[in-house]
Amino acid sequence: MTTTEIKTTEIKQTPVARINFAKAAPKAFKAVIGLDAAAREGLDPTLVELVQIRSSHLNHCAYCLHMHTSDARKAGESEERLHMVGVWKEATHFFSAREQAALALTDAVTLIADGGVPDDVYARAAAHFDEKELGHLLALIFTINTWNRIALATAKVAGEDERVS
């Protein structure tokens, strides 16, 4: 099959209309917003974006990945580091030991069905975050995983940031 044939035989699917979660379940939506805001308290905004980007990579959530890479850029994050989040284990020199510990915990919690959160991963995070910070970091990871699932389940389109009026 030639390239021309492939292009003409590709099937373009029209997205199936899905609910607007915020309108369909406003109390639940507001509760997630509240959890999100509470989770961020006391955490470095750069770290918050790295965690959200990593979880969105793992969950294949283009909507959230676009949103959080855009937010990170606006906050001054470098393109170089943004490109390395997806391969942070192979590019550790781009991230501080604290950021690496947070990313490792993000991986474990996001992929929890693959074996839970290993003791060494938890201990590594606990060595870099005090108890309050660790609680907030876990809440942040829980929250971005929830946002990823909302975006994926309701077929949010990357690039359409509903926070912007």
C-alpha atoms as a PDB file:
ATOM      1  CA  MET A   1       0.000   0.000   0.000  1.00  0.00           C
ATOM      2  CA  THR A   2       1.430   3.398  -0.958  1.00  0.00           C
ATOM      3  CA  THR A   3       1.395   6.483   1.222  1.00  0.00           C
ATOM      4  CA  THR A   4      -1.352   7.951  -0.945  1.00  0.00           C
ATOM      5  CA  GLU A   5      -3.444   4.836  -0.528  1.00  0.00           C
ATOM      6  CA  ILE A   6      -2.943   4.894   3.246  1.00  0.00           C
ATOM      7  CA  LYS A   7      -4.048   8.522   3.453  1.00  0.00           C
ATOM      8  CA  THR A   8      -7.178   7.905   1.423  1.00  0.00           C
ATOM      9  CA  THR A   9      -8.128   4.767   3.325  1.00  0.00           C
ATOM     10  CA  GLU A  10      -7.620   6.158   6.826  1.00  0.00           C
ATOM     11  CA  ILE A  11     -10.845   6.456   8.734  1.00  0.00           C
ATOM     12  CA  LYS A  12     -11.364   9.677  10.616  1.00  0.00           C
ATOM     13  CA  GLN A  13     -13.552   9.180  13.613  1.00  0.00           C
ATOM     14  CA  THR A  14     -15.741  11.952  14.891  1.00  0.00           C
ATOM     15  CA  PRO A  15     -15.424  12.123  18.668  1.00  0.00           C
ATOM     16  CA  VAL A  16     -18.462  10.796  20.456  1.00  0.00           C
ATOM     17  CA  ALA A  17     -20.093  13.538  22.496  1.00  0.00           C
ATOM     18  CA  ARG A  18     -19.481  12.947  26.174  1.00  0.00           C
ATOM     19  CA  ILE A  19     -20.690  14.627  29.316  1.00  0.00           C
ATOM     20  CA  ASN A  20     -19.253  17.817  30.688  1.00  0.00           C
ATOM     21  CA  PHE A  21     -18.204  16.447  34.082  1.00  0.00           C
ATOM     22  CA  ALA A  22     -18.184  19.873  35.741  1.00  0.00           C
ATOM     23  CA  LYS A  23     -21.815  20.462  34.752  1.00  0.00           C
ATOM     24  CA  ALA A  24     -23.036  16.885  35.216  1.00  0.00           C
ATOM     25  CA  ALA A  25     -21.518  16.404  38.677  1.00  0.00           C
ATOM     26  CA  PRO A  26     -20.731  19.889  40.016  1.00  0.00           C
ATOM     27  CA  LYS A  27     -20.323  18.849  43.658  1.00  0.00           C
ATOM     28  CA  ALA A  28     -17.872  16.097  42.723  1.00  0.00           C
ATOM     29  CA  PHE A  29     -16.013  18.448  40.374  1.00  0.00           C
ATOM     30  CA  LYS A  30     -15.740  21.119  43.091  1.00  0.00           C
ATOM     31  CA  ALA A  31     -14.526  18.469  45.554  1.00  0.00           C
ATOM     32  CA  VAL A  32     -11.696  17.507  43.196  1.00  0.00           C
ATOM     33  CA  ILE A  33     -10.813  21.202  42.778  1.00  0.00           C
ATOM     34  CA  GLY A  34     -10.727  21.511  46.569  1.00  0.00           C
ATOM     35  CA  LEU A  35      -8.481  18.463  46.911  1.00  0.00           C
ATOM     36  CA  ASP A  36      -6.225  19.833  44.184  1.00  0.00           C
ATOM     37  CA  ALA A  37      -5.871  23.192  45.942  1.00  0.00           C
ATOM     38  CA  ALA A  38      -5.249  21.579  49.327  1.00  0.00           C
ATOM     39  CA  ALA A  39      -2.684  19.157  47.882  1.00  0.00           C
ATOM     40  CA  ARG A  40      -0.572  21.975  46.429  1.00  0.00           C
ATOM     41  CA  GLU A  41      -0.220  23.812  49.742  1.00  0.00           C
ATOM     42  CA  GLY A  42       3.392  24.037  50.816  1.00  0.00           C
ATOM     43  CA  LEU A  43       4.784  22.333  47.695  1.00  0.00           C
ATOM     44  CA  ASP A  44       7.123  24.044  45.255  1.00  0.00           C
ATOM     45  CA  PRO A  45       5.112  25.000  42.146  1.00  0.00           C
ATOM     46  CA  THR A  46       7.840  23.584  39.865  1.00  0.00           C
ATOM     47  CA  LEU A  47       7.648  20.242  41.650  1.00  0.00           C
ATOM     48  CA  VAL A  48       3.846  20.302  41.372  1.00  0.00           C
ATOM     49  CA  GLU A  49       4.044  20.676  37.587  1.00  0.00           C
ATOM     50  CA  LEU A  50       6.721  17.958  37.224  1.00  0.00           C
ATOM     51  CA  VAL A  51       4.534  15.505  39.148  1.00  0.00           C
ATOM     52  CA  GLN A  52       1.454  16.408  37.113  1.00  0.00           C
ATOM     53  CA  ILE A  53       3.362  16.092  33.846  1.00  0.00           C
ATOM     54  CA  ARG A  54       4.810  12.712  34.802  1.00  0.00           C
ATOM     55  CA  SER A  55       1.477  11.246  35.862  1.00  0.00           C
ATOM     56  CA  SER A  56      -0.132  12.564  32.684  1.00  0.00           C
ATOM     57  CA  HIS A  57       2.628  10.876  30.636  1.00  0.00           C
ATOM     58  CA  LEU A  58       2.038   7.562  32.386  1.00  0.00           C
ATOM     59  CA  ASN A  59      -1.734   7.800  31.995  1.00  0.00           C
ATOM     60  CA  HIS A  60      -1.477   8.895  28.342  1.00  0.00           C
ATOM     61  CA  CYS A  61      -3.566  11.964  29.111  1.00  0.00           C
ATOM     62  CA  ALA A  62      -2.822  14.422  26.307  1.00  0.00           C
ATOM     63  CA  TYR A  63      -5.287  16.986  27.679  1.00  0.00           C
ATOM     64  CA  CYS A  64      -3.561  17.208  31.087  1.00  0.00           C
ATOM     65  CA  LEU A  65      -0.079  16.857  29.595  1.00  0.00           C
ATOM     66  CA  HIS A  66      -0.696  19.855  27.339  1.00  0.00           C
ATOM     67  CA  MET A  67      -2.183  21.865  30.206  1.00  0.00           C
ATOM     68  CA  HIS A  68       0.621  21.179  32.667  1.00  0.00           C
ATOM     69  CA  THR A  69       3.509  21.595  30.242  1.00  0.00           C
ATOM     70  CA  SER A  70       1.955  24.946  29.279  1.00  0.00           C
ATOM     71  CA  ASP A  71       1.629  25.903  32.960  1.00  0.00           C
ATOM     72  CA  ALA A  72       5.232  24.855  33.613  1.00  0.00           C
ATOM     73  CA  ARG A  73       6.499  26.960  30.692  1.00  0.00           C
ATOM     74  CA  LYS A  74       4.560  29.981  31.992  1.00  0.00           C
ATOM     75  CA  ALA A  75       6.172  29.418  35.399  1.00  0.00           C
ATOM     76  CA  GLY A  76       9.636  29.492  33.789  1.00  0.00           C
ATOM     77  CA  GLU A  77      10.398  25.773  33.429  1.00  0.00           C
ATOM     78  CA  SER A  78      12.950  25.028  30.709  1.00  0.00           C
ATOM     79  CA  GLU A  79      12.070  23.183  27.533  1.00  0.00           C
ATOM     80  CA  GLU A  80      15.044  20.926  28.197  1.00  0.00           C
ATOM     81  CA  ARG A  81      13.663  19.669  31.513  1.00  0.00           C
ATOM     82  CA  LEU A  82      10.130  19.365  30.138  1.00  0.00           C
ATOM     83  CA  HIS A  83      11.451  17.055  27.426  1.00  0.00           C
ATOM     84  CA  MET A  84      13.229  14.921  30.033  1.00  0.00           C
ATOM     85  CA  VAL A  85      10.306  14.295  32.418  1.00  0.00           C
ATOM     86  CA  GLY A  86       9.152  11.278  30.423  1.00  0.00           C
ATOM     87  CA  VAL A  87      12.613   9.698  30.677  1.00  0.00           C
ATOM     88  CA  TRP A  88      13.648  11.062  34.046  1.00  0.00           C
ATOM     89  CA  LYS A  89      15.231   7.773  35.185  1.00  0.00           C
ATOM     90  CA  GLU A  90      17.682   7.981  32.290  1.00  0.00           C
ATOM     91  CA  ALA A  91      18.202  11.737  32.704  1.00  0.00           C
ATOM     92  CA  THR A  92      18.572  12.104  36.464  1.00  0.00           C
ATOM     93  CA  HIS A  93      21.121  14.917  36.144  1.00  0.00           C
ATOM     94  CA  PHE A  94      18.309  17.202  34.977  1.00  0.00           C
ATOM     95  CA  PHE A  95      16.468  16.803  38.289  1.00  0.00           C
ATOM     96  CA  SER A  96      17.374  17.324  41.932  1.00  0.00           C
ATOM     97  CA  ALA A  97      17.399  14.376  44.326  1.00  0.00           C
ATOM     98  CA  ARG A  98      14.150  15.714  45.817  1.00  0.00           C
ATOM     99  CA  GLU A  99      12.508  15.936  42.384  1.00  0.00           C
ATOM    100  CA  GLN A 100      13.707  12.422  41.535  1.00  0.00           C
ATOM    101  CA  ALA A 101      12.187  11.097  44.763  1.00  0.00           C
ATOM    102  CA  ALA A 102       8.880  12.804  43.919  1.00  0.00           C
ATOM    103  CA  LEU A 103       8.938  11.437  40.364  1.00  0.00           C
ATOM    104  CA  ALA A 104       9.682   7.911  41.614  1.00  0.00           C
ATOM    105  CA  LEU A 105       6.749   8.142  44.029  1.00  0.00           C
ATOM    106  CA  THR A 106       4.567   9.491  41.220  1.00  0.00           C
ATOM    107  CA  ASP A 107       5.496   6.494  39.066  1.00  0.00           C
ATOM    108  CA  ALA A 108       4.728   4.018  41.850  1.00  0.00           C
ATOM    109  CA  VAL A 109       1.406   5.553  42.885  1.00  0.00           C
ATOM    110  CA  THR A 110       0.235   6.133  39.303  1.00  0.00           C
ATOM    111  CA  LEU A 111       1.146   2.557  38.324  1.00  0.00           C
ATOM    112  CA  ILE A 112       0.042   1.124  41.678  1.00  0.00           C
ATOM    113  CA  ALA A 113      -1.498  -1.990  40.096  1.00  0.00           C
ATOM    114  CA  ASP A 114       1.988  -3.004  38.940  1.00  0.00           C
ATOM    115  CA  GLY A 115       3.103  -3.878  42.456  1.00  0.00           C
ATOM    116  CA  GLY A 116       2.028  -1.207  44.876  1.00  0.00           C
ATOM    117  CA  VAL A 117       4.387   1.391  46.275  1.00  0.00           C
ATOM    118  CA  PRO A 118       7.684  -0.333  47.058  1.00  0.00           C
ATOM    119  CA  ASP A 119       9.195   0.379  50.469  1.00  0.00           C
ATOM    120  CA  ASP A 120      12.404   1.764  48.942  1.00  0.00           C
ATOM    121  CA  VAL A 121      10.471   4.253  46.809  1.00  0.00           C
ATOM    122  CA  TYR A 122       8.450   5.401  49.804  1.00  0.00           C
ATOM    123  CA  ALA A 123      11.576   5.643  51.983  1.00  0.00           C
ATOM    124  CA  ARG A 124      13.344   7.683  49.311  1.00  0.00           C
ATOM    125  CA  ALA A 125      10.468  10.165  49.248  1.00  0.00           C
ATOM    126  CA  ALA A 126      10.270  10.241  53.050  1.00  0.00           C
ATOM    127  CA  ALA A 127      13.976  11.112  53.159  1.00  0.00           C
ATOM    128  CA  HIS A 128      13.360  14.244  51.065  1.00  0.00           C
ATOM    129  CA  PHE A 129       9.963  15.396  52.337  1.00  0.00           C
ATOM    130  CA  ASP A 130       8.790  15.900  55.897  1.00  0.00           C
ATOM    131  CA  GLU A 131       5.560  14.185  56.919  1.00  0.00           C
ATOM    132  CA  LYS A 132       3.319  17.126  56.019  1.00  0.00           C
ATOM    133  CA  GLU A 133       4.999  17.611  52.628  1.00  0.00           C
ATOM    134  CA  LEU A 134       4.805  13.890  51.922  1.00  0.00           C
ATOM    135  CA  GLY A 135       1.088  13.922  52.701  1.00  0.00           C
ATOM    136  CA  HIS A 136       0.603  16.817  50.296  1.00  0.00           C
ATOM    137  CA  LEU A 137       2.742  15.135  47.641  1.00  0.00           C
ATOM    138  CA  LEU A 138       0.643  11.971  47.879  1.00  0.00           C
ATOM    139  CA  ALA A 139      -2.552  14.045  47.693  1.00  0.00           C
ATOM    140  CA  LEU A 140      -1.169  15.785  44.603  1.00  0.00           C
ATOM    141  CA  ILE A 141      -0.445  12.445  42.939  1.00  0.00           C
ATOM    142  CA  PHE A 142      -3.931  11.179  43.838  1.00  0.00           C
ATOM    143  CA  THR A 143      -5.442  14.361  42.429  1.00  0.00           C
ATOM    144  CA  ILE A 144      -3.629  14.396  39.085  1.00  0.00           C
ATOM    145  CA  ASN A 145      -4.528  10.741  38.598  1.00  0.00           C
ATOM    146  CA  THR A 146      -8.165  11.711  39.202  1.00  0.00           C
ATOM    147  CA  TRP A 147      -7.939  14.617  36.743  1.00  0.00           C
ATOM    148  CA  ASN A 148      -6.322  12.306  34.158  1.00  0.00           C
ATOM    149  CA  ARG A 149      -9.170   9.845  34.522  1.00  0.00           C
ATOM    150  CA  ILE A 150     -11.792  12.575  34.238  1.00  0.00           C
ATOM    151  CA  ALA A 151     -10.157  13.960  31.087  1.00  0.00           C
ATOM    152  CA  LEU A 152      -9.744  10.547  29.486  1.00  0.00           C
ATOM    153  CA  ALA A 153     -13.213   9.288  30.400  1.00  0.00           C
ATOM    154  CA  THR A 154     -14.877  12.433  29.060  1.00  0.00           C
ATOM    155  CA  ALA A 155     -12.633  12.677  25.955  1.00  0.00           C
ATOM    156  CA  LYS A 156     -11.138  16.086  26.684  1.00  0.00           C
ATOM    157  CA  VAL A 157      -9.191  17.450  23.712  1.00  0.00           C
ATOM    158  CA  ALA A 158      -5.565  18.482  24.216  1.00  0.00           C
ATOM    159  CA  GLY A 159      -5.101  22.206  23.683  1.00  0.00           C
ATOM    160  CA  GLU A 160      -8.595  23.146  24.818  1.00  0.00           C
ATOM    161  CA  ASP A 161      -7.903  24.493  28.298  1.00  0.00           C
ATOM    162  CA  GLU A 162     -11.288  25.174  29.866  1.00  0.00           C
ATOM    163  CA  ARG A 163      -9.682  27.240  32.630  1.00  0.00           C
ATOM    164  CA  VAL A 164      -9.003  30.000  30.072  1.00  0.00           C
ATOM    165  CA  SER A 165     -11.967  32.239  29.375  1.00  0.00           C
END
